[in-house]
Amino acid sequence: TPLFIYIIILQQVFNMFDKTILMGKVINTLHENQFETFVTHGSFDIVARRENLFLIKTLLNVDALDESHALDLRTVSYFLSAYPFVISQRNNREHLNDATVYSRFKLPVMTPHLFKSMLEEEEMTVTHSSKGRHTQEINAFTLKEKRKESGFTLEGLAQHIGISKKAMYEIENKRVNPQRETVRKLERILAAELTLPYEMKHTEAVYLKPKDHFQKTVSMEFSRIGIDNSSVHSSPFEIIGRESFSLITNLSTIPSEVKKELGEIKQLSGILSSKAVLISKRSYKESVEGVPIISEQELIEIHSSKELSKIIDERNF
């Protein structure tokens, strides 16, 4: 009915407004902590740089995070040595806890309040939540030393806190993080502070399959000349790579049709400290909006990443 459609549209408008407020809150926090920021779209909404590079996705409801976007974010973060974050306020069941770092598709998820605390506090202890399991990172070396000092065997300490010897062994050898309740029992029995402060972590290597033949061809040519790279599907660029430099790449059949997008890519390359290039199906101008353009045929004739880098630098004006 018309009324139902109107309600749906109104809800979408409210969600967009709320999302804008959330992004504004995150950006204000970053600026207060002397970060340079850039707003974009796709698998990440905000790029922020100070000593480190952050790629941030903001979502009102973290359960709306799409796996393909998450994979894209992890891939780009890996190639740029950036730290990825998802900043959200709730999931489908409840509001997120301000002292907990959640995990979605191997990405850290936290509230705006916790993100602010992470930037402003030198040491911050948190609970980690993944698939309903609440754990904490501990100093396993301290655990082992305090256990021996207290005269406990592995089996004896395990029995004392109500877990198996195998579980105690895996905790002490950092194969798993203990549950929050287990940590509290260990700290009380051993009279020791075991919980480690929160530490940002880089993502592991993620490579995505090309979505079309052109993307596959360019990716293979980059690999041929020694540039480690991956296709990406929901980012402002289409291929991300690195050698002695990082490289963000767009693809186009008609460069003049993507002039607006290239202006954004030029700005984005600055904050990412990356070289930007457009690979075109046909020969065109040497650059558009300050982004160097290399034809597919030129790329095929390039022999090394050093040669590619030189061409990009020469056309970067």
C-alpha atoms as a PDB file:
ATOM      1  CA  THR A   1       0.000   0.000   0.000  1.00  0.00           C
ATOM      2  CA  PRO A   2       1.125   3.630  -0.449  1.00  0.00           C
ATOM      3  CA  LEU A   3       1.299   4.089   3.348  1.00  0.00           C
ATOM      4  CA  PHE A   4       3.539   1.040   3.739  1.00  0.00           C
ATOM      5  CA  ILE A   5       5.863   2.281   0.956  1.00  0.00           C
ATOM      6  CA  TYR A   6       5.972   5.711   2.608  1.00  0.00           C
ATOM      7  CA  ILE A   7       6.953   4.154   5.956  1.00  0.00           C
ATOM      8  CA  ILE A   8       9.735   2.140   4.289  1.00  0.00           C
ATOM      9  CA  ILE A   9      11.107   5.236   2.556  1.00  0.00           C
ATOM     10  CA  LEU A  10      10.923   7.216   5.792  1.00  0.00           C
ATOM     11  CA  GLN A  11      12.835   4.479   7.635  1.00  0.00           C
ATOM     12  CA  GLN A  12      15.543   4.511   4.977  1.00  0.00           C
ATOM     13  CA  VAL A  13      15.874   8.283   5.329  1.00  0.00           C
ATOM     14  CA  PHE A  14      16.206   7.971   9.120  1.00  0.00           C
ATOM     15  CA  ASN A  15      18.843   5.235   8.715  1.00  0.00           C
ATOM     16  CA  MET A  16      20.843   7.399   6.325  1.00  0.00           C
ATOM     17  CA  PHE A  17      20.641  10.268   8.802  1.00  0.00           C
ATOM     18  CA  ASP A  18      21.764   8.031  11.670  1.00  0.00           C
ATOM     19  CA  LYS A  19      24.621   6.645   9.546  1.00  0.00           C
ATOM     20  CA  THR A  20      25.752  10.211   8.801  1.00  0.00           C
ATOM     21  CA  ILE A  21      25.740  10.993  12.534  1.00  0.00           C
ATOM     22  CA  LEU A  22      27.781   7.855  13.265  1.00  0.00           C
ATOM     23  CA  MET A  23      30.349   8.701  10.573  1.00  0.00           C
ATOM     24  CA  GLY A  24      30.554  12.267  11.847  1.00  0.00           C
ATOM     25  CA  LYS A  25      31.197  11.029  15.375  1.00  0.00           C
ATOM     26  CA  VAL A  26      34.048   8.783  14.183  1.00  0.00           C
ATOM     27  CA  ILE A  27      35.585  11.518  12.026  1.00  0.00           C
ATOM     28  CA  ASN A  28      35.439  14.016  14.912  1.00  0.00           C
ATOM     29  CA  THR A  29      37.236  11.493  17.130  1.00  0.00           C
ATOM     30  CA  LEU A  30      39.930  11.053  14.491  1.00  0.00           C
ATOM     31  CA  HIS A  31      40.400  14.804  14.042  1.00  0.00           C
ATOM     32  CA  GLU A  32      40.610  15.308  17.818  1.00  0.00           C
ATOM     33  CA  ASN A  33      43.499  12.846  17.761  1.00  0.00           C
ATOM     34  CA  GLN A  34      45.299  14.604  14.881  1.00  0.00           C
ATOM     35  CA  PHE A  35      44.415  12.118  12.133  1.00  0.00           C
ATOM     36  CA  GLU A  36      44.127  13.170   8.502  1.00  0.00           C
ATOM     37  CA  THR A  37      40.906  11.730   7.069  1.00  0.00           C
ATOM     38  CA  PHE A  38      39.278  11.069   3.717  1.00  0.00           C
ATOM     39  CA  VAL A  39      35.674   9.963   3.167  1.00  0.00           C
ATOM     40  CA  THR A  40      35.054   7.452   0.396  1.00  0.00           C
ATOM     41  CA  HIS A  41      32.645   4.595  -0.383  1.00  0.00           C
ATOM     42  CA  GLY A  42      32.486   0.841  -0.803  1.00  0.00           C
ATOM     43  CA  SER A  43      34.093  -1.668   1.543  1.00  0.00           C
ATOM     44  CA  PHE A  44      35.406   1.185   3.718  1.00  0.00           C
ATOM     45  CA  ASP A  45      33.957   4.639   4.378  1.00  0.00           C
ATOM     46  CA  ILE A  46      36.836   6.463   6.056  1.00  0.00           C
ATOM     47  CA  VAL A  47      40.580   6.469   5.474  1.00  0.00           C
ATOM     48  CA  ALA A  48      42.585   7.904   8.376  1.00  0.00           C
ATOM     49  CA  ARG A  49      46.324   8.428   8.719  1.00  0.00           C
ATOM     50  CA  ARG A  50      48.605   9.516  11.538  1.00  0.00           C
ATOM     51  CA  GLU A  51      51.547   7.247  12.318  1.00  0.00           C
ATOM     52  CA  ASN A  52      49.386   4.339  11.123  1.00  0.00           C
ATOM     53  CA  LEU A  53      46.830   3.935   8.363  1.00  0.00           C
ATOM     54  CA  PHE A  54      43.252   3.001   9.306  1.00  0.00           C
ATOM     55  CA  LEU A  55      40.504   1.791   6.959  1.00  0.00           C
ATOM     56  CA  ILE A  56      37.127   2.135   8.666  1.00  0.00           C
ATOM     57  CA  LYS A  57      33.674   0.810   7.811  1.00  0.00           C
ATOM     58  CA  THR A  58      30.772   2.374   9.732  1.00  0.00           C
ATOM     59  CA  LEU A  59      27.500   0.498  10.199  1.00  0.00           C
ATOM     60  CA  LEU A  60      24.548   1.150  12.476  1.00  0.00           C
ATOM     61  CA  ASN A  61      23.954  -2.620  12.686  1.00  0.00           C
ATOM     62  CA  VAL A  62      27.041  -4.802  12.372  1.00  0.00           C
ATOM     63  CA  ASP A  63      24.937  -7.755  11.207  1.00  0.00           C
ATOM     64  CA  ALA A  64      24.450  -5.813   7.968  1.00  0.00           C
ATOM     65  CA  LEU A  65      28.143  -6.325   7.160  1.00  0.00           C
ATOM     66  CA  ASP A  66      28.362  -8.188   3.878  1.00  0.00           C
ATOM     67  CA  GLU A  67      31.010 -10.927   3.596  1.00  0.00           C
ATOM     68  CA  SER A  68      32.159  -9.676   0.185  1.00  0.00           C
ATOM     69  CA  HIS A  69      32.733  -6.186   1.604  1.00  0.00           C
ATOM     70  CA  ALA A  70      34.587  -7.696   4.562  1.00  0.00           C
ATOM     71  CA  LEU A  71      36.889  -9.680   2.254  1.00  0.00           C
ATOM     72  CA  ASP A  72      37.539  -6.556   0.198  1.00  0.00           C
ATOM     73  CA  LEU A  73      38.407  -4.590   3.330  1.00  0.00           C
ATOM     74  CA  ARG A  74      40.766  -7.312   4.549  1.00  0.00           C
ATOM     75  CA  THR A  75      42.443  -7.532   1.121  1.00  0.00           C
ATOM     76  CA  VAL A  76      43.021  -3.786   0.805  1.00  0.00           C
ATOM     77  CA  SER A  77      44.224  -3.580   4.418  1.00  0.00           C
ATOM     78  CA  TYR A  78      46.745  -6.351   3.817  1.00  0.00           C
ATOM     79  CA  PHE A  79      48.280  -4.746   0.734  1.00  0.00           C
ATOM     80  CA  LEU A  80      48.431  -1.284   2.336  1.00  0.00           C
ATOM     81  CA  SER A  81      49.637  -2.553   5.746  1.00  0.00           C
ATOM     82  CA  ALA A  82      46.599  -0.763   7.166  1.00  0.00           C
ATOM     83  CA  TYR A  83      44.536  -1.555  10.248  1.00  0.00           C
ATOM     84  CA  PRO A  84      40.879  -2.306   9.412  1.00  0.00           C
ATOM     85  CA  PHE A  85      38.021  -1.470  11.776  1.00  0.00           C
ATOM     86  CA  VAL A  86      34.262  -1.786  11.719  1.00  0.00           C
ATOM     87  CA  ILE A  87      32.609   0.815  13.932  1.00  0.00           C
ATOM     88  CA  SER A  88      29.035  -0.051  14.872  1.00  0.00           C
ATOM     89  CA  GLN A  89      26.424   0.504  17.574  1.00  0.00           C
ATOM     90  CA  ARG A  90      24.409  -2.707  17.659  1.00  0.00           C
ATOM     91  CA  ASN A  91      23.631  -6.095  16.198  1.00  0.00           C
ATOM     92  CA  ASN A  92      20.235  -7.674  15.531  1.00  0.00           C
ATOM     93  CA  ARG A  93      19.743  -8.525  19.204  1.00  0.00           C
ATOM     94  CA  GLU A  94      21.255  -5.753  21.294  1.00  0.00           C
ATOM     95  CA  HIS A  95      23.527  -2.738  21.577  1.00  0.00           C
ATOM     96  CA  LEU A  96      27.232  -3.555  21.480  1.00  0.00           C
ATOM     97  CA  ASN A  97      29.236  -3.396  24.708  1.00  0.00           C
ATOM     98  CA  ASP A  98      31.683  -0.493  25.083  1.00  0.00           C
ATOM     99  CA  ALA A  99      34.340  -2.783  26.600  1.00  0.00           C
ATOM    100  CA  THR A 100      34.197  -5.554  24.005  1.00  0.00           C
ATOM    101  CA  VAL A 101      35.907  -6.020  20.638  1.00  0.00           C
ATOM    102  CA  TYR A 102      33.675  -8.217  18.495  1.00  0.00           C
ATOM    103  CA  SER A 103      34.681 -10.151  15.400  1.00  0.00           C
ATOM    104  CA  ARG A 104      32.865 -10.331  12.054  1.00  0.00           C
ATOM    105  CA  PHE A 105      34.507 -12.140   9.137  1.00  0.00           C
ATOM    106  CA  LYS A 106      37.867 -11.772  10.964  1.00  0.00           C
ATOM    107  CA  LEU A 107      37.476  -7.987  11.265  1.00  0.00           C
ATOM    108  CA  PRO A 108      37.540  -6.166  14.624  1.00  0.00           C
ATOM    109  CA  VAL A 109      34.234  -4.522  15.489  1.00  0.00           C
ATOM    110  CA  MET A 110      33.862  -1.908  18.226  1.00  0.00           C
ATOM    111  CA  THR A 111      31.580   0.887  19.357  1.00  0.00           C
ATOM    112  CA  PRO A 112      32.423   4.566  18.693  1.00  0.00           C
ATOM    113  CA  HIS A 113      33.082   4.955  22.425  1.00  0.00           C
ATOM    114  CA  LEU A 114      35.590   2.084  22.514  1.00  0.00           C
ATOM    115  CA  PHE A 115      37.270   3.353  19.329  1.00  0.00           C
ATOM    116  CA  LYS A 116      37.717   6.748  20.978  1.00  0.00           C
ATOM    117  CA  SER A 117      39.178   5.086  24.086  1.00  0.00           C
ATOM    118  CA  MET A 118      41.591   3.067  21.959  1.00  0.00           C
ATOM    119  CA  LEU A 119      42.975   6.236  20.380  1.00  0.00           C
ATOM    120  CA  GLU A 120      43.221   8.179  23.627  1.00  0.00           C
ATOM    121  CA  GLU A 121      44.406   5.576  26.143  1.00  0.00           C
ATOM    122  CA  GLU A 122      47.935   4.159  26.125  1.00  0.00           C
ATOM    123  CA  GLU A 123      46.771   0.804  27.490  1.00  0.00           C
ATOM    124  CA  MET A 124      43.245  -0.545  27.316  1.00  0.00           C
ATOM    125  CA  THR A 125      42.026  -4.000  28.294  1.00  0.00           C
ATOM    126  CA  VAL A 126      39.054  -5.445  26.444  1.00  0.00           C
ATOM    127  CA  THR A 127      37.017  -8.598  26.101  1.00  0.00           C
ATOM    128  CA  HIS A 128      37.012 -10.299  22.707  1.00  0.00           C
ATOM    129  CA  SER A 129      33.736 -11.728  21.445  1.00  0.00           C
ATOM    130  CA  SER A 130      33.476 -14.174  18.546  1.00  0.00           C
ATOM    131  CA  LYS A 131      30.550 -16.506  17.868  1.00  0.00           C
ATOM    132  CA  GLY A 132      29.222 -15.934  21.381  1.00  0.00           C
ATOM    133  CA  ARG A 133      32.518 -16.828  23.085  1.00  0.00           C
ATOM    134  CA  HIS A 134      33.996 -14.108  25.333  1.00  0.00           C
ATOM    135  CA  THR A 135      37.771 -14.344  25.733  1.00  0.00           C
ATOM    136  CA  GLN A 136      40.724 -12.231  26.809  1.00  0.00           C
ATOM    137  CA  GLU A 137      44.319 -12.127  25.632  1.00  0.00           C
ATOM    138  CA  ILE A 138      46.776 -12.928  28.416  1.00  0.00           C
ATOM    139  CA  ASN A 139      50.498 -13.024  29.056  1.00  0.00           C
ATOM    140  CA  ALA A 140      51.077 -16.774  28.758  1.00  0.00           C
ATOM    141  CA  PHE A 141      54.702 -16.469  29.939  1.00  0.00           C
ATOM    142  CA  THR A 142      53.576 -14.809  33.183  1.00  0.00           C
ATOM    143  CA  LEU A 143      50.912 -17.482  33.604  1.00  0.00           C
ATOM    144  CA  LYS A 144      53.478 -20.277  33.322  1.00  0.00           C
ATOM    145  CA  GLU A 145      55.948 -18.592  35.691  1.00  0.00           C
ATOM    146  CA  LYS A 146      53.291 -17.831  38.328  1.00  0.00           C
ATOM    147  CA  ARG A 147      51.912 -21.375  38.084  1.00  0.00           C
ATOM    148  CA  LYS A 148      55.342 -22.849  38.816  1.00  0.00           C
ATOM    149  CA  GLU A 149      56.025 -20.325  41.607  1.00  0.00           C
ATOM    150  CA  SER A 150      52.731 -21.308  43.244  1.00  0.00           C
ATOM    151  CA  GLY A 151      53.608 -25.022  43.069  1.00  0.00           C
ATOM    152  CA  PHE A 152      50.837 -26.006  40.643  1.00  0.00           C
ATOM    153  CA  THR A 153      51.200 -28.635  37.954  1.00  0.00           C
ATOM    154  CA  LEU A 154      49.279 -28.084  34.713  1.00  0.00           C
ATOM    155  CA  GLU A 155      46.753 -30.699  35.783  1.00  0.00           C
ATOM    156  CA  GLY A 156      46.534 -29.354  39.327  1.00  0.00           C
ATOM    157  CA  LEU A 157      45.822 -25.767  38.238  1.00  0.00           C
ATOM    158  CA  ALA A 158      43.356 -26.994  35.624  1.00  0.00           C
ATOM    159  CA  GLN A 159      41.406 -28.944  38.237  1.00  0.00           C
ATOM    160  CA  HIS A 160      41.499 -25.980  40.609  1.00  0.00           C
ATOM    161  CA  ILE A 161      39.737 -23.678  38.128  1.00  0.00           C
ATOM    162  CA  GLY A 162      37.490 -26.327  36.564  1.00  0.00           C
ATOM    163  CA  ILE A 163      38.934 -26.904  33.076  1.00  0.00           C
ATOM    164  CA  SER A 164      40.736 -29.853  31.477  1.00  0.00           C
ATOM    165  CA  LYS A 165      44.505 -30.340  31.475  1.00  0.00           C
ATOM    166  CA  LYS A 166      44.433 -30.112  27.672  1.00  0.00           C
ATOM    167  CA  ALA A 167      42.636 -26.752  27.815  1.00  0.00           C
ATOM    168  CA  MET A 168      45.157 -25.471  30.369  1.00  0.00           C
ATOM    169  CA  TYR A 169      48.031 -26.602  28.129  1.00  0.00           C
ATOM    170  CA  GLU A 170      46.568 -24.805  25.109  1.00  0.00           C
ATOM    171  CA  ILE A 171      46.071 -21.594  27.105  1.00  0.00           C
ATOM    172  CA  GLU A 172      49.614 -21.675  28.478  1.00  0.00           C
ATOM    173  CA  ASN A 173      51.068 -22.291  25.010  1.00  0.00           C
ATOM    174  CA  LYS A 174      48.983 -19.485  23.409  1.00  0.00           C
ATOM    175  CA  ARG A 175      47.032 -21.826  21.162  1.00  0.00           C
ATOM    176  CA  VAL A 176      43.751 -20.378  22.411  1.00  0.00           C
ATOM    177  CA  ASN A 177      42.694 -17.360  24.425  1.00  0.00           C
ATOM    178  CA  PRO A 178      40.957 -18.261  27.702  1.00  0.00           C
ATOM    179  CA  GLN A 179      37.386 -17.322  28.435  1.00  0.00           C
ATOM    180  CA  ARG A 180      36.873 -14.210  30.555  1.00  0.00           C
ATOM    181  CA  GLU A 181      35.696 -16.211  33.577  1.00  0.00           C
ATOM    182  CA  THR A 182      38.773 -18.456  33.361  1.00  0.00           C
ATOM    183  CA  VAL A 183      41.080 -15.440  33.362  1.00  0.00           C
ATOM    184  CA  ARG A 184      39.410 -14.054  36.480  1.00  0.00           C
ATOM    185  CA  LYS A 185      39.889 -17.364  38.306  1.00  0.00           C
ATOM    186  CA  LEU A 186      43.542 -17.618  37.225  1.00  0.00           C
ATOM    187  CA  GLU A 187      44.318 -14.061  38.322  1.00  0.00           C
ATOM    188  CA  ARG A 188      42.671 -14.623  41.701  1.00  0.00           C
ATOM    189  CA  ILE A 189      44.378 -17.980  42.405  1.00  0.00           C
ATOM    190  CA  LEU A 190      47.825 -16.905  41.191  1.00  0.00           C
ATOM    191  CA  ALA A 191      47.545 -13.334  42.550  1.00  0.00           C
ATOM    192  CA  ALA A 192      48.815 -12.008  39.220  1.00  0.00           C
ATOM    193  CA  GLU A 193      47.725  -9.590  36.491  1.00  0.00           C
ATOM    194  CA  LEU A 194      47.535 -11.689  33.333  1.00  0.00           C
ATOM    195  CA  THR A 195      45.316  -9.687  30.964  1.00  0.00           C
ATOM    196  CA  LEU A 196      47.161  -7.947  28.127  1.00  0.00           C
ATOM    197  CA  PRO A 197      46.181  -4.509  26.805  1.00  0.00           C
ATOM    198  CA  TYR A 198      44.418  -4.354  23.454  1.00  0.00           C
ATOM    199  CA  GLU A 199      46.750  -4.463  20.464  1.00  0.00           C
ATOM    200  CA  MET A 200      45.836  -3.650  16.880  1.00  0.00           C
ATOM    201  CA  LYS A 201      46.624  -6.426  14.423  1.00  0.00           C
ATOM    202  CA  HIS A 202      47.357  -6.473  10.711  1.00  0.00           C
ATOM    203  CA  THR A 203      45.295  -8.780   8.522  1.00  0.00           C
ATOM    204  CA  GLU A 204      46.620 -11.937   6.913  1.00  0.00           C
ATOM    205  CA  ALA A 205      47.011 -12.158   3.131  1.00  0.00           C
ATOM    206  CA  VAL A 206      43.707 -12.314   1.237  1.00  0.00           C
ATOM    207  CA  TYR A 207      43.510 -12.680  -2.550  1.00  0.00           C
ATOM    208  CA  LEU A 208      40.237 -12.294  -4.441  1.00  0.00           C
ATOM    209  CA  LYS A 209      39.368 -13.745  -7.841  1.00  0.00           C
ATOM    210  CA  PRO A 210      38.979 -11.317 -10.766  1.00  0.00           C
ATOM    211  CA  LYS A 211      35.388 -10.469 -11.644  1.00  0.00           C
ATOM    212  CA  ASP A 212      35.991 -10.255 -15.408  1.00  0.00           C
ATOM    213  CA  HIS A 213      38.531 -10.969 -18.133  1.00  0.00           C
ATOM    214  CA  PHE A 214      40.024  -7.449 -18.172  1.00  0.00           C
ATOM    215  CA  GLN A 215      40.647  -7.491 -14.434  1.00  0.00           C
ATOM    216  CA  LYS A 216      42.211 -10.944 -14.731  1.00  0.00           C
ATOM    217  CA  THR A 217      44.492  -9.845 -17.584  1.00  0.00           C
ATOM    218  CA  VAL A 218      45.786  -6.758 -15.773  1.00  0.00           C
ATOM    219  CA  SER A 219      46.285  -8.700 -12.545  1.00  0.00           C
ATOM    220  CA  MET A 220      48.309 -11.344 -14.396  1.00  0.00           C
ATOM    221  CA  GLU A 221      50.454  -8.679 -16.082  1.00  0.00           C
ATOM    222  CA  PHE A 222      51.196  -7.074 -12.717  1.00  0.00           C
ATOM    223  CA  SER A 223      52.217 -10.482 -11.357  1.00  0.00           C
ATOM    224  CA  ARG A 224      54.438 -11.046 -14.395  1.00  0.00           C
ATOM    225  CA  ILE A 225      56.462  -7.893 -13.691  1.00  0.00           C
ATOM    226  CA  GLY A 226      56.781  -8.696  -9.984  1.00  0.00           C
ATOM    227  CA  ILE A 227      53.911  -6.828  -8.344  1.00  0.00           C
ATOM    228  CA  ASP A 228      52.050  -8.869  -5.734  1.00  0.00           C
ATOM    229  CA  ASN A 229      48.398  -7.975  -6.251  1.00  0.00           C
ATOM    230  CA  SER A 230      44.739  -8.880  -5.890  1.00  0.00           C
ATOM    231  CA  SER A 231      41.503  -7.911  -7.555  1.00  0.00           C
ATOM    232  CA  VAL A 232      38.993  -6.080  -5.367  1.00  0.00           C
ATOM    233  CA  HIS A 233      35.256  -5.866  -5.986  1.00  0.00           C
ATOM    234  CA  SER A 234      33.686  -3.213  -3.767  1.00  0.00           C
ATOM    235  CA  SER A 235      36.374  -0.563  -3.293  1.00  0.00           C
ATOM    236  CA  PRO A 236      36.939   2.763  -5.089  1.00  0.00           C
ATOM    237  CA  PHE A 237      39.635   0.983  -7.177  1.00  0.00           C
ATOM    238  CA  GLU A 238      39.713  -2.433  -8.848  1.00  0.00           C
ATOM    239  CA  ILE A 239      43.203  -3.848  -8.236  1.00  0.00           C
ATOM    240  CA  ILE A 240      45.473  -3.343  -5.227  1.00  0.00           C
ATOM    241  CA  GLY A 241      49.149  -4.263  -5.368  1.00  0.00           C
ATOM    242  CA  ARG A 242      52.534  -3.708  -3.835  1.00  0.00           C
ATOM    243  CA  GLU A 243      56.207  -4.177  -4.524  1.00  0.00           C
ATOM    244  CA  SER A 244      58.588  -1.512  -3.188  1.00  0.00           C
ATOM    245  CA  PHE A 245      55.547   0.788  -3.540  1.00  0.00           C
ATOM    246  CA  SER A 246      51.815   0.266  -3.142  1.00  0.00           C
ATOM    247  CA  LEU A 247      49.611   0.625  -6.209  1.00  0.00           C
ATOM    248  CA  ILE A 248      45.891   1.312  -6.607  1.00  0.00           C
ATOM    249  CA  THR A 249      44.535   0.628 -10.074  1.00  0.00           C
ATOM    250  CA  ASN A 250      41.360   1.424 -11.944  1.00  0.00           C
ATOM    251  CA  LEU A 251      40.308  -0.123 -15.250  1.00  0.00           C
ATOM    252  CA  SER A 252      38.381   1.506 -18.071  1.00  0.00           C
ATOM    253  CA  THR A 253      37.519   1.125 -21.729  1.00  0.00           C
ATOM    254  CA  ILE A 254      36.867   4.866 -22.137  1.00  0.00           C
ATOM    255  CA  PRO A 255      38.924   6.954 -19.626  1.00  0.00           C
ATOM    256  CA  SER A 256      36.945  10.166 -20.254  1.00  0.00           C
ATOM    257  CA  GLU A 257      33.851   8.491 -18.808  1.00  0.00           C
ATOM    258  CA  VAL A 258      35.483   7.983 -15.390  1.00  0.00           C
ATOM    259  CA  LYS A 259      36.907  11.490 -14.999  1.00  0.00           C
ATOM    260  CA  LYS A 260      34.975  12.173 -11.784  1.00  0.00           C
ATOM    261  CA  GLU A 261      36.069   8.861 -10.218  1.00  0.00           C
ATOM    262  CA  LEU A 262      39.707   9.557 -11.129  1.00  0.00           C
ATOM    263  CA  GLY A 263      39.620  12.849  -9.225  1.00  0.00           C
ATOM    264  CA  GLU A 264      38.688  10.889  -6.092  1.00  0.00           C
ATOM    265  CA  ILE A 265      41.346   8.256  -6.803  1.00  0.00           C
ATOM    266  CA  LYS A 266      43.998  10.988  -7.067  1.00  0.00           C
ATOM    267  CA  GLN A 267      43.047  12.340  -3.630  1.00  0.00           C
ATOM    268  CA  LEU A 268      42.793   8.842  -2.198  1.00  0.00           C
ATOM    269  CA  SER A 269      46.268   7.902  -3.427  1.00  0.00           C
ATOM    270  CA  GLY A 270      47.680  10.826  -1.484  1.00  0.00           C
ATOM    271  CA  ILE A 271      46.363   9.782   1.923  1.00  0.00           C
ATOM    272  CA  LEU A 272      47.143   6.114   1.160  1.00  0.00           C
ATOM    273  CA  SER A 273      50.710   7.033   0.115  1.00  0.00           C
ATOM    274  CA  SER A 274      50.167   4.909  -2.986  1.00  0.00           C
ATOM    275  CA  LYS A 275      50.779   5.307  -6.680  1.00  0.00           C
ATOM    276  CA  ALA A 276      47.558   5.499  -8.696  1.00  0.00           C
ATOM    277  CA  VAL A 277      47.156   4.371 -12.288  1.00  0.00           C
ATOM    278  CA  LEU A 278      44.346   3.765 -14.775  1.00  0.00           C
ATOM    279  CA  ILE A 279      44.772   0.873 -17.192  1.00  0.00           C
ATOM    280  CA  SER A 280      42.817   1.579 -20.361  1.00  0.00           C
ATOM    281  CA  LYS A 281      41.690  -0.797 -23.091  1.00  0.00           C
ATOM    282  CA  ARG A 282      42.843   1.704 -25.690  1.00  0.00           C
ATOM    283  CA  SER A 283      45.481   4.415 -26.025  1.00  0.00           C
ATOM    284  CA  TYR A 284      44.431   7.763 -24.561  1.00  0.00           C
ATOM    285  CA  LYS A 285      45.934  10.836 -22.944  1.00  0.00           C
ATOM    286  CA  GLU A 286      48.874  10.304 -20.606  1.00  0.00           C
ATOM    287  CA  SER A 287      46.786  11.345 -17.597  1.00  0.00           C
ATOM    288  CA  VAL A 288      43.297  12.415 -16.528  1.00  0.00           C
ATOM    289  CA  GLU A 289      42.691  14.377 -13.306  1.00  0.00           C
ATOM    290  CA  GLY A 290      46.361  13.835 -12.482  1.00  0.00           C
ATOM    291  CA  VAL A 291      46.057  10.041 -12.660  1.00  0.00           C
ATOM    292  CA  PRO A 292      48.508   8.431 -15.137  1.00  0.00           C
ATOM    293  CA  ILE A 293      46.936   6.316 -17.872  1.00  0.00           C
ATOM    294  CA  ILE A 294      48.622   3.260 -19.367  1.00  0.00           C
ATOM    295  CA  SER A 295      47.035   1.295 -22.190  1.00  0.00           C
ATOM    296  CA  GLU A 296      46.665  -2.463 -21.980  1.00  0.00           C
ATOM    297  CA  GLN A 297      49.119  -2.856 -24.858  1.00  0.00           C
ATOM    298  CA  GLU A 298      51.694  -0.651 -23.098  1.00  0.00           C
ATOM    299  CA  LEU A 299      51.346  -2.742 -19.957  1.00  0.00           C
ATOM    300  CA  ILE A 300      52.026  -5.940 -21.904  1.00  0.00           C
ATOM    301  CA  GLU A 301      55.285  -4.402 -23.181  1.00  0.00           C
ATOM    302  CA  ILE A 302      56.532  -3.322 -19.736  1.00  0.00           C
ATOM    303  CA  HIS A 303      59.292  -5.594 -18.387  1.00  0.00           C
ATOM    304  CA  SER A 304      59.535  -4.760 -14.680  1.00  0.00           C
ATOM    305  CA  SER A 305      57.825  -3.058 -11.779  1.00  0.00           C
ATOM    306  CA  LYS A 306      60.613  -0.483 -11.815  1.00  0.00           C
ATOM    307  CA  GLU A 307      59.768   0.413 -15.416  1.00  0.00           C
ATOM    308  CA  LEU A 308      56.066   0.690 -14.544  1.00  0.00           C
ATOM    309  CA  SER A 309      56.856   2.921 -11.570  1.00  0.00           C
ATOM    310  CA  LYS A 310      58.988   5.203 -13.758  1.00  0.00           C
ATOM    311  CA  ILE A 311      56.183   5.601 -16.336  1.00  0.00           C
ATOM    312  CA  ILE A 312      53.651   6.383 -13.604  1.00  0.00           C
ATOM    313  CA  ASP A 313      55.962   8.990 -12.077  1.00  0.00           C
ATOM    314  CA  GLU A 314      56.579  10.625 -15.483  1.00  0.00           C
ATOM    315  CA  ARG A 315      52.847  10.919 -16.184  1.00  0.00           C
ATOM    316  CA  ASN A 316      51.884  11.958 -12.676  1.00  0.00           C
ATOM    317  CA  PHE A 317      50.927  15.595 -13.228  1.00  0.00           C
END
